[in-house]
Amino acid sequence: MGSSSDKLFNRERTIHEILGGNIVADVMLWRKKNVSVGIVTVTIASWMVFEAFAYTIFTLLSSVLLLLLSILFLWSKSASILNRPSPPLLEFQISEAMAEEASIWLRIHVNRLLQVSYDIAMGRDSELYIKVAISLFLISLIGSLMDFQTLCHTSVLVVMTVPAFYERYEDYIDGSIVFICNKAKELYLRFEILAFPENKKKLS
């Protein structure tokens, strides 16, 4: 592994630590291969179903729920007639603690979003405005190139492949990007000297 100066943004943490270091990071970095393969397989299969049969997400969910409820209903009815055990279903309810925790999480993130929006609207953070504007422009551009379903499937595949690929070839990718950035800075300095000769003394 290279030094922190050879890494992007001079970071010292590993990709696994940046992603949270939990089970989600393990899945994204293919350290739990069965789960990772399952997610990629389901993503590709569902995309093929949407494309081949012209399904929408609501049509698919409705069909799956209808089939599941029909199976469970017929199972329960036949079990009562034939004196067989009912379907092994657990009665799940959202507890007050779970609802309170979810509301706190939602309130924190909504307040953070509102604060960011307020700071941008008041002109307090130009850098943040540029980042948000670029992000929204990219989202708009991507949205014009593909529909929401394709975007979701593509996003899952990117999340499941890019971090793992980057972790495997981390040193090579970081070294190449740092080299390109240094060369770009050199070219910019040369351009600035040629375009503004009066700044040559200041730069030297």
Protein backbone atom coordinates (compact mmCIF):
# COMPACT_ATOMS: atom_id res chain seq x y z
CA MET A 1 0.00 0.00 0.00
CA GLY A 2 1.26 3.50 -0.78
CA SER A 3 1.55 6.43 1.56
CA SER A 4 -1.35 8.77 2.24
CA SER A 5 0.19 11.37 -0.09
CA ASP A 6 -0.23 8.92 -2.97
CA LYS A 7 -3.92 8.46 -2.23
CA LEU A 8 -6.82 10.55 -3.47
CA PHE A 9 -7.49 13.48 -1.11
CA ASN A 10 -4.54 12.26 1.04
CA ARG A 11 -6.88 9.85 2.79
CA GLU A 12 -5.62 7.35 5.34
CA ARG A 13 -8.72 5.16 5.76
CA THR A 14 -9.39 2.09 3.66
CA ILE A 15 -12.34 1.79 1.27
CA HIS A 16 -13.98 -0.64 3.71
CA GLU A 17 -13.76 1.93 6.51
CA ILE A 18 -15.04 4.74 4.28
CA LEU A 19 -18.09 2.62 3.35
CA GLY A 20 -18.88 2.12 7.04
CA GLY A 21 -17.00 -1.07 7.83
CA ASN A 22 -20.23 -3.02 8.37
CA ILE A 23 -22.10 -5.76 6.51
CA VAL A 24 -23.10 -3.31 3.75
CA ALA A 25 -19.43 -2.61 3.05
CA ASP A 26 -18.72 -6.35 3.04
CA VAL A 27 -21.44 -6.91 0.45
CA MET A 28 -20.34 -3.99 -1.74
CA LEU A 29 -16.72 -5.19 -1.67
CA TRP A 30 -17.71 -8.81 -2.36
CA ARG A 31 -16.46 -10.13 0.98
CA LYS A 32 -19.80 -11.92 1.30
CA LYS A 33 -19.81 -13.35 -2.21
CA ASN A 34 -23.07 -15.29 -1.92
CA VAL A 35 -25.02 -12.16 -1.00
CA SER A 36 -23.22 -10.04 -3.59
CA VAL A 37 -23.82 -12.57 -6.36
CA GLY A 38 -27.48 -12.84 -5.31
CA ILE A 39 -27.98 -9.06 -5.47
CA VAL A 40 -26.34 -8.78 -8.90
CA THR A 41 -28.29 -11.80 -10.22
CA VAL A 42 -31.64 -10.47 -8.97
CA THR A 43 -30.86 -7.02 -10.38
CA ILE A 44 -30.03 -8.37 -13.84
CA ALA A 45 -32.98 -10.78 -13.82
CA SER A 46 -35.45 -8.09 -12.76
CA TRP A 47 -34.12 -5.74 -15.43
CA MET A 48 -34.61 -8.45 -18.05
CA VAL A 49 -38.17 -9.01 -16.80
CA PHE A 50 -38.93 -5.30 -17.05
CA GLU A 51 -37.45 -5.01 -20.52
CA ALA A 52 -38.73 -8.31 -22.00
CA PHE A 53 -42.29 -8.21 -20.63
CA ALA A 54 -42.68 -4.42 -20.46
CA TYR A 55 -43.44 -4.60 -16.75
CA THR A 56 -43.38 -1.58 -14.49
CA ILE A 57 -42.34 -1.68 -10.86
CA PHE A 58 -45.95 -1.27 -9.69
CA THR A 59 -47.20 -3.99 -12.02
CA LEU A 60 -44.53 -6.41 -10.82
CA LEU A 61 -45.10 -5.64 -7.13
CA SER A 62 -48.86 -5.99 -7.52
CA SER A 63 -48.50 -9.31 -9.34
CA VAL A 64 -46.06 -10.72 -6.79
CA LEU A 65 -48.20 -9.62 -3.84
CA LEU A 66 -51.35 -10.99 -5.46
CA LEU A 67 -49.68 -14.35 -6.08
CA LEU A 68 -48.25 -14.48 -2.54
CA LEU A 69 -51.54 -13.56 -0.88
CA SER A 70 -53.45 -16.07 -3.03
CA ILE A 71 -51.05 -18.88 -2.10
CA LEU A 72 -51.27 -18.05 1.61
CA PHE A 73 -55.06 -17.70 1.49
CA LEU A 74 -55.54 -21.07 -0.24
CA TRP A 75 -52.98 -22.66 2.09
CA SER A 76 -54.87 -21.43 5.16
CA LYS A 77 -58.25 -22.55 3.80
CA SER A 78 -57.00 -25.99 2.82
CA ALA A 79 -55.22 -26.36 6.18
CA SER A 80 -58.42 -25.68 8.10
CA ILE A 81 -60.34 -28.19 5.96
CA LEU A 82 -57.70 -30.92 6.09
CA ASN A 83 -56.71 -30.27 9.72
CA ARG A 84 -53.21 -29.27 8.69
CA PRO A 85 -51.01 -26.59 10.29
CA SER A 86 -51.51 -23.06 9.07
CA PRO A 87 -48.76 -21.19 7.19
CA PRO A 88 -45.82 -20.45 9.52
CA LEU A 89 -46.25 -16.69 9.52
CA LEU A 90 -45.10 -14.38 12.29
CA GLU A 91 -47.37 -11.53 13.30
CA PHE A 92 -45.12 -8.55 12.78
CA GLN A 93 -46.02 -5.13 14.11
CA ILE A 94 -44.12 -1.85 14.17
CA SER A 95 -43.34 -1.04 17.77
CA GLU A 96 -43.50 2.43 19.23
CA ALA A 97 -39.71 2.41 19.68
CA MET A 98 -39.16 1.56 16.01
CA ALA A 99 -41.55 4.29 14.88
CA GLU A 100 -39.89 6.82 17.19
CA GLU A 101 -36.42 5.90 15.95
CA ALA A 102 -37.53 6.18 12.31
CA SER A 103 -39.14 9.57 12.94
CA ILE A 104 -35.98 10.86 14.65
CA TRP A 105 -33.83 9.68 11.73
CA LEU A 106 -36.22 11.28 9.24
CA ARG A 107 -36.35 14.55 11.20
CA ILE A 108 -32.54 14.81 11.38
CA HIS A 109 -32.06 14.27 7.66
CA VAL A 110 -34.94 16.54 6.62
CA ASN A 111 -33.64 19.31 8.89
CA ARG A 112 -30.16 18.87 7.45
CA LEU A 113 -31.56 19.12 3.91
CA LEU A 114 -33.57 22.21 4.84
CA GLN A 115 -30.51 23.83 6.44
CA VAL A 116 -28.42 23.17 3.34
CA SER A 117 -31.17 24.60 1.14
CA TYR A 118 -31.44 27.67 3.40
CA ASP A 119 -27.68 28.29 3.35
CA ILE A 120 -27.63 28.06 -0.45
CA ALA A 121 -30.67 30.34 -0.83
CA MET A 122 -29.06 32.94 1.47
CA GLY A 123 -25.80 32.80 -0.51
CA ARG A 124 -23.73 31.71 2.48
CA ASP A 125 -21.82 28.86 0.83
CA SER A 126 -20.82 29.30 -2.81
CA GLU A 127 -18.85 26.06 -2.91
CA LEU A 128 -21.84 24.09 -1.63
CA TYR A 129 -24.07 25.77 -4.21
CA ILE A 130 -21.71 24.74 -7.02
CA LYS A 131 -21.61 21.14 -5.77
CA VAL A 132 -25.40 20.94 -5.48
CA ALA A 133 -25.91 22.61 -8.87
CA ILE A 134 -23.51 20.21 -10.58
CA SER A 135 -25.15 17.22 -8.85
CA LEU A 136 -28.64 18.31 -9.89
CA PHE A 137 -27.46 18.96 -13.44
CA LEU A 138 -25.91 15.48 -13.65
CA ILE A 139 -29.09 13.92 -12.23
CA SER A 140 -31.16 15.81 -14.81
CA LEU A 141 -28.80 14.75 -17.60
CA ILE A 142 -28.84 11.10 -16.55
CA GLY A 143 -32.62 11.20 -16.15
CA SER A 144 -32.99 12.43 -19.72
CA LEU A 145 -30.94 9.49 -21.00
CA MET A 146 -32.77 6.65 -19.21
CA ASP A 147 -35.96 5.93 -17.32
CA PHE A 148 -36.20 5.51 -13.55
CA GLN A 149 -36.18 1.70 -13.59
CA THR A 150 -33.06 1.49 -15.75
CA LEU A 151 -31.41 4.12 -13.54
CA CYS A 152 -32.14 2.06 -10.41
CA HIS A 153 -30.79 -1.13 -11.94
CA THR A 154 -27.72 0.63 -13.30
CA SER A 155 -27.08 2.30 -9.94
CA VAL A 156 -27.19 -1.06 -8.13
CA LEU A 157 -24.74 -2.57 -10.61
CA VAL A 158 -22.41 0.43 -10.28
CA VAL A 159 -22.52 0.24 -6.47
CA MET A 160 -21.78 -3.49 -6.61
CA THR A 161 -18.89 -3.24 -9.07
CA VAL A 162 -17.07 0.11 -8.84
CA PRO A 163 -16.03 -0.01 -5.13
CA ALA A 164 -14.81 -3.62 -5.45
CA PHE A 165 -12.90 -2.83 -8.65
CA TYR A 166 -11.38 0.27 -7.06
CA GLU A 167 -10.32 -1.61 -3.93
CA ARG A 168 -8.62 -4.29 -6.01
CA TYR A 169 -6.66 -1.83 -8.17
CA GLU A 170 -6.52 0.99 -5.62
CA ASP A 171 -2.81 1.77 -5.79
CA TYR A 172 -2.74 1.81 -9.60
CA ILE A 173 -5.88 3.98 -9.92
CA ASP A 174 -4.80 6.44 -7.23
CA GLY A 175 -1.32 6.72 -8.69
CA SER A 176 -2.68 7.35 -12.18
CA ILE A 177 -5.18 9.98 -11.02
CA VAL A 178 -2.59 11.76 -8.85
CA PHE A 179 -0.17 11.75 -11.80
CA ILE A 180 -2.82 13.17 -14.15
CA CYS A 181 -3.78 15.86 -11.61
CA ASN A 182 -0.13 16.90 -11.16
CA LYS A 183 0.35 17.10 -14.93
CA ALA A 184 -2.84 19.16 -15.26
CA LYS A 185 -1.55 21.58 -12.59
CA GLU A 186 1.76 21.91 -14.44
CA LEU A 187 -0.03 22.62 -17.73
CA TYR A 188 -2.25 25.19 -16.01
CA LEU A 189 0.77 26.95 -14.51
CA ARG A 190 2.48 27.03 -17.91
CA PHE A 191 -0.68 28.41 -19.53
CA GLU A 192 -1.00 31.05 -16.82
CA ILE A 193 2.62 32.12 -17.33
CA LEU A 194 2.13 32.37 -21.11
CA ALA A 195 -1.21 34.17 -20.83
CA PHE A 196 -0.17 36.49 -17.98
CA PRO A 197 3.59 37.12 -18.10
CA GLU A 198 3.29 39.68 -15.33
CA ASN A 199 2.44 36.86 -12.90
CA LYS A 200 5.66 35.00 -13.68
CA LYS A 201 7.60 36.82 -10.98
CA LYS A 202 4.88 36.13 -8.41
CA LEU A 203 4.90 32.39 -9.23
CA SER A 204 8.71 32.14 -9.14
